Amino acid sequence: PFVDVVLVLLVIFMVTAPMMVQQALTVDLPNSQTADSLESSTLAIAITAQGQYLLNGKLVLLEDLKVNAAQSYAQDQNTQVVFAADLDSRHEAVIKAMDVIRQSGITRFAFQVIKQD
């Protein structure tokens, strides 16, 4: 019985651990008065203040961005990437992500901001 309890606790931990990481990562976006809406074939890349990358809400490494972008570009050559860079993120992290995405063939970029009324 003790082993069963330990295994159940392990499974619960394995299921909930990724959710806790995603909730802990926040991106504080800049404001804009002229923001536009997104197109349908869009990859959303968030860059946290700590320089971490999130692709469509999931934490990924910089190398994974290129693989996922290449797959999206192969399916739809009109794919657009929208960057949501935290106000406190380093410019270098954004440039690295843009460079990796450009290597996959995607050349359409946008930056996500909070529209002011």
N, C-alpha and C. Protein backbone atom coordinates (compact mmCIF):
# COMPACT_ATOMS: atom_id res chain seq x y z
N PRO A 1 0.80 -1.20 0.00
CA PRO A 1 0.00 0.00 0.00
C PRO A 1 0.85 1.27 0.00
N PHE A 2 1.98 1.26 0.69
CA PHE A 2 2.83 2.45 0.75
C PHE A 2 3.37 2.80 -0.64
N VAL A 3 3.74 1.78 -1.40
CA VAL A 3 4.26 2.00 -2.75
C VAL A 3 3.17 2.62 -3.63
N ASP A 4 1.94 2.16 -3.48
CA ASP A 4 0.83 2.73 -4.26
C ASP A 4 0.64 4.21 -3.97
N VAL A 5 0.72 4.57 -2.69
CA VAL A 5 0.56 5.97 -2.30
C VAL A 5 1.68 6.81 -2.88
N VAL A 6 2.90 6.30 -2.82
CA VAL A 6 4.05 7.03 -3.36
C VAL A 6 3.91 7.20 -4.87
N LEU A 7 3.48 6.18 -5.56
CA LEU A 7 3.31 6.28 -7.01
C LEU A 7 2.21 7.27 -7.38
N VAL A 8 1.13 7.29 -6.63
CA VAL A 8 0.05 8.25 -6.89
C VAL A 8 0.56 9.67 -6.67
N LEU A 9 1.31 9.89 -5.60
CA LEU A 9 1.87 11.21 -5.33
C LEU A 9 2.85 11.62 -6.43
N LEU A 10 3.64 10.68 -6.91
CA LEU A 10 4.58 10.96 -7.99
C LEU A 10 3.85 11.38 -9.27
N VAL A 11 2.79 10.67 -9.60
CA VAL A 11 2.02 11.00 -10.80
C VAL A 11 1.39 12.39 -10.65
N ILE A 12 0.84 12.68 -9.49
CA ILE A 12 0.23 14.00 -9.26
C ILE A 12 1.28 15.09 -9.41
N PHE A 13 2.46 14.87 -8.85
CA PHE A 13 3.53 15.86 -8.96
C PHE A 13 3.95 16.05 -10.41
N MET A 14 4.07 14.95 -11.17
CA MET A 14 4.50 15.05 -12.56
C MET A 14 3.47 15.79 -13.41
N VAL A 15 2.21 15.67 -13.09
CA VAL A 15 1.16 16.34 -13.86
C VAL A 15 1.08 17.82 -13.51
N THR A 16 1.24 18.15 -12.24
CA THR A 16 1.06 19.54 -11.82
C THR A 16 2.32 20.40 -11.93
N ALA A 17 3.50 19.81 -11.96
CA ALA A 17 4.74 20.59 -12.01
C ALA A 17 4.83 21.49 -13.25
N PRO A 18 4.54 21.01 -14.46
CA PRO A 18 4.61 21.92 -15.62
C PRO A 18 3.62 23.07 -15.54
N MET A 19 2.47 22.85 -14.94
CA MET A 19 1.48 23.92 -14.81
C MET A 19 1.98 25.02 -13.88
N MET A 20 2.70 24.64 -12.83
CA MET A 20 3.22 25.64 -11.90
C MET A 20 4.28 26.50 -12.55
N VAL A 21 5.11 25.92 -13.42
CA VAL A 21 6.15 26.68 -14.10
C VAL A 21 5.52 27.69 -15.04
N GLN A 22 4.52 27.29 -15.81
CA GLN A 22 3.89 28.19 -16.77
C GLN A 22 3.17 29.33 -16.08
N GLN A 23 2.57 29.08 -14.92
CA GLN A 23 1.88 30.13 -14.20
C GLN A 23 2.85 31.11 -13.58
N ALA A 24 4.06 30.66 -13.28
CA ALA A 24 5.04 31.53 -12.63
C ALA A 24 5.71 32.48 -13.61
N LEU A 25 5.65 32.20 -14.90
CA LEU A 25 6.30 33.03 -15.90
C LEU A 25 5.31 34.08 -16.40
N THR A 26 5.61 35.33 -16.13
CA THR A 26 4.73 36.41 -16.58
C THR A 26 5.50 37.35 -17.49
N VAL A 27 4.79 37.97 -18.38
CA VAL A 27 5.39 38.93 -19.30
C VAL A 27 4.62 40.23 -19.16
N ASP A 28 5.33 41.30 -18.81
CA ASP A 28 4.74 42.62 -18.65
C ASP A 28 4.90 43.36 -19.98
N LEU A 29 3.81 43.49 -20.73
CA LEU A 29 3.87 44.06 -22.08
C LEU A 29 3.82 45.59 -22.07
N PRO A 30 4.46 46.21 -23.07
CA PRO A 30 4.36 47.66 -23.21
C PRO A 30 2.98 48.06 -23.75
N ASN A 31 2.67 49.33 -23.65
CA ASN A 31 1.39 49.87 -24.13
C ASN A 31 1.54 50.50 -25.51
N SER A 32 0.44 50.54 -26.28
CA SER A 32 0.44 51.18 -27.59
C SER A 32 -0.97 51.67 -27.90
N GLN A 33 -1.06 52.77 -28.62
CA GLN A 33 -2.36 53.30 -29.00
C GLN A 33 -2.77 52.86 -30.40
N THR A 34 -1.86 52.22 -31.16
CA THR A 34 -2.14 51.85 -32.55
C THR A 34 -1.99 50.36 -32.79
N ALA A 35 -2.28 49.51 -31.82
CA ALA A 35 -2.10 48.07 -31.95
C ALA A 35 -3.15 47.47 -32.89
N ASP A 36 -2.75 46.42 -33.64
CA ASP A 36 -3.65 45.71 -34.55
C ASP A 36 -3.88 44.29 -34.04
N SER A 37 -4.88 43.60 -34.60
CA SER A 37 -5.17 42.23 -34.21
C SER A 37 -4.28 41.26 -34.98
N LEU A 38 -4.26 39.97 -34.54
CA LEU A 38 -3.40 38.95 -35.12
C LEU A 38 -4.05 38.27 -36.32
N GLU A 39 -3.21 37.68 -37.17
CA GLU A 39 -3.69 36.87 -38.28
C GLU A 39 -3.83 35.43 -37.80
N SER A 40 -4.38 34.56 -38.66
CA SER A 40 -4.68 33.19 -38.23
C SER A 40 -3.43 32.32 -38.07
N SER A 41 -2.47 32.36 -38.98
CA SER A 41 -1.28 31.51 -38.89
C SER A 41 -0.17 32.27 -38.16
N THR A 42 -0.25 32.24 -36.85
CA THR A 42 0.65 33.04 -36.04
C THR A 42 1.31 32.19 -34.96
N LEU A 43 2.61 32.37 -34.80
CA LEU A 43 3.34 31.80 -33.67
C LEU A 43 3.52 32.90 -32.64
N ALA A 44 3.20 32.62 -31.41
CA ALA A 44 3.36 33.60 -30.34
C ALA A 44 4.59 33.23 -29.52
N ILE A 45 5.56 34.13 -29.49
CA ILE A 45 6.78 33.91 -28.71
C ILE A 45 6.86 34.98 -27.64
N ALA A 46 6.83 34.53 -26.40
CA ALA A 46 6.96 35.45 -25.26
C ALA A 46 8.38 35.34 -24.72
N ILE A 47 8.93 36.48 -24.33
CA ILE A 47 10.27 36.52 -23.75
C ILE A 47 10.14 37.17 -22.38
N THR A 48 10.50 36.42 -21.35
CA THR A 48 10.35 36.91 -19.98
C THR A 48 11.49 37.84 -19.62
N ALA A 49 11.36 38.49 -18.49
CA ALA A 49 12.41 39.39 -18.01
C ALA A 49 13.70 38.64 -17.72
N GLN A 50 13.59 37.34 -17.44
CA GLN A 50 14.77 36.51 -17.17
C GLN A 50 15.38 35.93 -18.44
N GLY A 51 14.80 36.24 -19.61
CA GLY A 51 15.35 35.76 -20.87
C GLY A 51 14.86 34.38 -21.27
N GLN A 52 13.78 33.90 -20.66
CA GLN A 52 13.22 32.60 -21.01
C GLN A 52 12.25 32.78 -22.17
N TYR A 53 12.11 31.74 -22.99
CA TYR A 53 11.26 31.79 -24.17
C TYR A 53 10.04 30.90 -23.98
N LEU A 54 8.88 31.41 -24.34
CA LEU A 54 7.65 30.63 -24.34
C LEU A 54 7.09 30.65 -25.75
N LEU A 55 6.85 29.48 -26.30
CA LEU A 55 6.27 29.36 -27.64
C LEU A 55 4.83 28.91 -27.48
N ASN A 56 3.90 29.77 -27.85
CA ASN A 56 2.46 29.50 -27.68
C ASN A 56 2.14 29.07 -26.25
N GLY A 57 2.80 29.71 -25.29
CA GLY A 57 2.52 29.47 -23.88
C GLY A 57 3.33 28.38 -23.22
N LYS A 58 4.18 27.68 -23.97
CA LYS A 58 4.98 26.59 -23.39
C LYS A 58 6.44 26.99 -23.36
N LEU A 59 7.09 26.72 -22.24
CA LEU A 59 8.49 27.04 -22.05
C LEU A 59 9.34 26.19 -22.99
N VAL A 60 10.20 26.84 -23.80
CA VAL A 60 11.06 26.14 -24.75
C VAL A 60 12.46 26.75 -24.72
N LEU A 61 13.40 26.01 -25.27
CA LEU A 61 14.76 26.52 -25.44
C LEU A 61 14.84 27.28 -26.76
N LEU A 62 15.87 28.09 -26.89
CA LEU A 62 16.06 28.87 -28.11
C LEU A 62 16.16 27.96 -29.34
N GLU A 63 16.83 26.82 -29.19
CA GLU A 63 16.99 25.88 -30.31
C GLU A 63 15.64 25.32 -30.76
N ASP A 64 14.72 25.13 -29.80
CA ASP A 64 13.40 24.59 -30.13
C ASP A 64 12.57 25.57 -30.95
N LEU A 65 12.85 26.86 -30.79
CA LEU A 65 12.12 27.87 -31.56
C LEU A 65 12.33 27.67 -33.05
N LYS A 66 13.57 27.39 -33.44
CA LYS A 66 13.88 27.22 -34.85
C LYS A 66 13.18 26.00 -35.44
N VAL A 67 13.18 24.90 -34.70
CA VAL A 67 12.53 23.68 -35.17
C VAL A 67 11.03 23.89 -35.35
N ASN A 68 10.40 24.47 -34.34
CA ASN A 68 8.96 24.71 -34.41
C ASN A 68 8.60 25.73 -35.49
N ALA A 69 9.43 26.75 -35.64
CA ALA A 69 9.18 27.76 -36.67
C ALA A 69 9.32 27.15 -38.06
N ALA A 70 10.32 26.29 -38.25
CA ALA A 70 10.51 25.65 -39.55
C ALA A 70 9.32 24.76 -39.90
N GLN A 71 8.79 24.06 -38.91
CA GLN A 71 7.61 23.21 -39.14
C GLN A 71 6.40 24.07 -39.53
N SER A 72 6.21 25.16 -38.84
CA SER A 72 5.08 26.05 -39.14
C SER A 72 5.23 26.67 -40.52
N TYR A 73 6.45 27.06 -40.87
CA TYR A 73 6.72 27.67 -42.17
C TYR A 73 6.49 26.66 -43.30
N ALA A 74 6.84 25.38 -43.05
CA ALA A 74 6.62 24.34 -44.05
C ALA A 74 5.13 24.13 -44.31
N GLN A 75 4.30 24.29 -43.28
CA GLN A 75 2.85 24.13 -43.43
C GLN A 75 2.20 25.36 -44.06
N ASP A 76 2.69 26.55 -43.69
CA ASP A 76 2.10 27.79 -44.18
C ASP A 76 3.19 28.84 -44.32
N GLN A 77 3.52 29.21 -45.56
CA GLN A 77 4.61 30.15 -45.78
C GLN A 77 4.23 31.58 -45.46
N ASN A 78 2.98 31.82 -45.06
CA ASN A 78 2.56 33.14 -44.60
C ASN A 78 2.56 33.24 -43.08
N THR A 79 3.22 32.32 -42.43
CA THR A 79 3.27 32.32 -40.97
C THR A 79 3.90 33.61 -40.47
N GLN A 80 3.28 34.16 -39.46
CA GLN A 80 3.77 35.39 -38.82
C GLN A 80 4.15 35.05 -37.38
N VAL A 81 5.20 35.67 -36.89
CA VAL A 81 5.63 35.49 -35.50
C VAL A 81 5.34 36.77 -34.74
N VAL A 82 4.67 36.63 -33.61
CA VAL A 82 4.38 37.77 -32.76
C VAL A 82 5.20 37.62 -31.49
N PHE A 83 6.05 38.61 -31.25
CA PHE A 83 6.88 38.62 -30.05
C PHE A 83 6.18 39.40 -28.95
N ALA A 84 6.15 38.82 -27.77
CA ALA A 84 5.64 39.50 -26.58
C ALA A 84 6.80 39.58 -25.60
N ALA A 85 7.58 40.62 -25.73
CA ALA A 85 8.78 40.78 -24.89
C ALA A 85 8.44 41.58 -23.64
N ASP A 86 8.84 41.07 -22.50
CA ASP A 86 8.63 41.77 -21.24
C ASP A 86 9.34 43.11 -21.28
N LEU A 87 8.78 44.08 -20.58
CA LEU A 87 9.41 45.41 -20.53
C LEU A 87 10.84 45.35 -20.01
N ASP A 88 11.11 44.39 -19.12
CA ASP A 88 12.44 44.27 -18.52
C ASP A 88 13.32 43.23 -19.21
N SER A 89 12.87 42.66 -20.33
CA SER A 89 13.69 41.67 -21.04
C SER A 89 14.84 42.38 -21.76
N ARG A 90 15.92 41.62 -21.94
CA ARG A 90 17.09 42.18 -22.62
C ARG A 90 16.84 42.21 -24.13
N HIS A 91 17.31 43.26 -24.75
CA HIS A 91 17.20 43.42 -26.21
C HIS A 91 17.88 42.25 -26.91
N GLU A 92 18.97 41.77 -26.33
CA GLU A 92 19.72 40.65 -26.90
C GLU A 92 18.86 39.39 -27.03
N ALA A 93 18.01 39.12 -26.04
CA ALA A 93 17.16 37.93 -26.08
C ALA A 93 16.16 38.02 -27.24
N VAL A 94 15.64 39.20 -27.49
CA VAL A 94 14.70 39.40 -28.60
C VAL A 94 15.41 39.22 -29.94
N ILE A 95 16.59 39.79 -30.07
CA ILE A 95 17.36 39.69 -31.32
C ILE A 95 17.75 38.24 -31.60
N LYS A 96 18.15 37.51 -30.56
CA LYS A 96 18.50 36.09 -30.75
C LYS A 96 17.30 35.30 -31.25
N ALA A 97 16.14 35.55 -30.66
CA ALA A 97 14.93 34.84 -31.09
C ALA A 97 14.58 35.21 -32.53
N MET A 98 14.66 36.49 -32.87
CA MET A 98 14.36 36.92 -34.24
C MET A 98 15.32 36.28 -35.24
N ASP A 99 16.59 36.18 -34.88
CA ASP A 99 17.59 35.59 -35.77
C ASP A 99 17.30 34.11 -36.00
N VAL A 100 16.96 33.40 -34.94
CA VAL A 100 16.66 31.97 -35.05
C VAL A 100 15.41 31.76 -35.91
N ILE A 101 14.40 32.59 -35.71
CA ILE A 101 13.16 32.48 -36.49
C ILE A 101 13.42 32.80 -37.95
N ARG A 102 14.22 33.80 -38.21
CA ARG A 102 14.55 34.19 -39.60
C ARG A 102 15.29 33.05 -40.31
N GLN A 103 16.13 32.30 -39.58
CA GLN A 103 16.85 31.17 -40.17
C GLN A 103 15.89 30.08 -40.63
N SER A 104 14.72 30.00 -40.04
CA SER A 104 13.74 28.99 -40.43
C SER A 104 12.98 29.39 -41.70
N GLY A 105 13.14 30.65 -42.14
CA GLY A 105 12.49 31.11 -43.36
C GLY A 105 11.40 32.14 -43.11
N ILE A 106 10.98 32.30 -41.88
CA ILE A 106 9.91 33.26 -41.56
C ILE A 106 10.50 34.66 -41.53
N THR A 107 9.83 35.58 -42.22
CA THR A 107 10.31 36.97 -42.25
C THR A 107 9.25 37.97 -41.80
N ARG A 108 8.08 37.48 -41.42
CA ARG A 108 6.99 38.37 -40.98
C ARG A 108 6.96 38.39 -39.46
N PHE A 109 7.25 39.56 -38.88
CA PHE A 109 7.31 39.71 -37.43
C PHE A 109 6.36 40.81 -36.98
N ALA A 110 5.92 40.69 -35.74
CA ALA A 110 5.13 41.74 -35.09
C ALA A 110 5.46 41.70 -33.61
N PHE A 111 5.15 42.78 -32.91
CA PHE A 111 5.37 42.85 -31.47
C PHE A 111 4.04 43.08 -30.77
N GLN A 112 3.78 42.27 -29.77
CA GLN A 112 2.54 42.39 -29.03
C GLN A 112 2.67 43.47 -27.97
N VAL A 113 1.66 44.31 -27.90
CA VAL A 113 1.61 45.38 -26.90
C VAL A 113 0.20 45.44 -26.33
N ILE A 114 0.02 46.21 -25.30
CA ILE A 114 -1.30 46.44 -24.73
C ILE A 114 -1.84 47.73 -25.33
N LYS A 115 -2.98 47.64 -25.98
CA LYS A 115 -3.56 48.82 -26.64
C LYS A 115 -4.18 49.75 -25.61
N GLN A 116 -3.77 51.00 -25.66
CA GLN A 116 -4.35 52.01 -24.78
C GLN A 116 -5.58 52.61 -25.45
N ASP A 117 -6.59 52.90 -24.67
CA ASP A 117 -7.81 53.51 -25.23
C ASP A 117 -7.72 55.01 -25.24
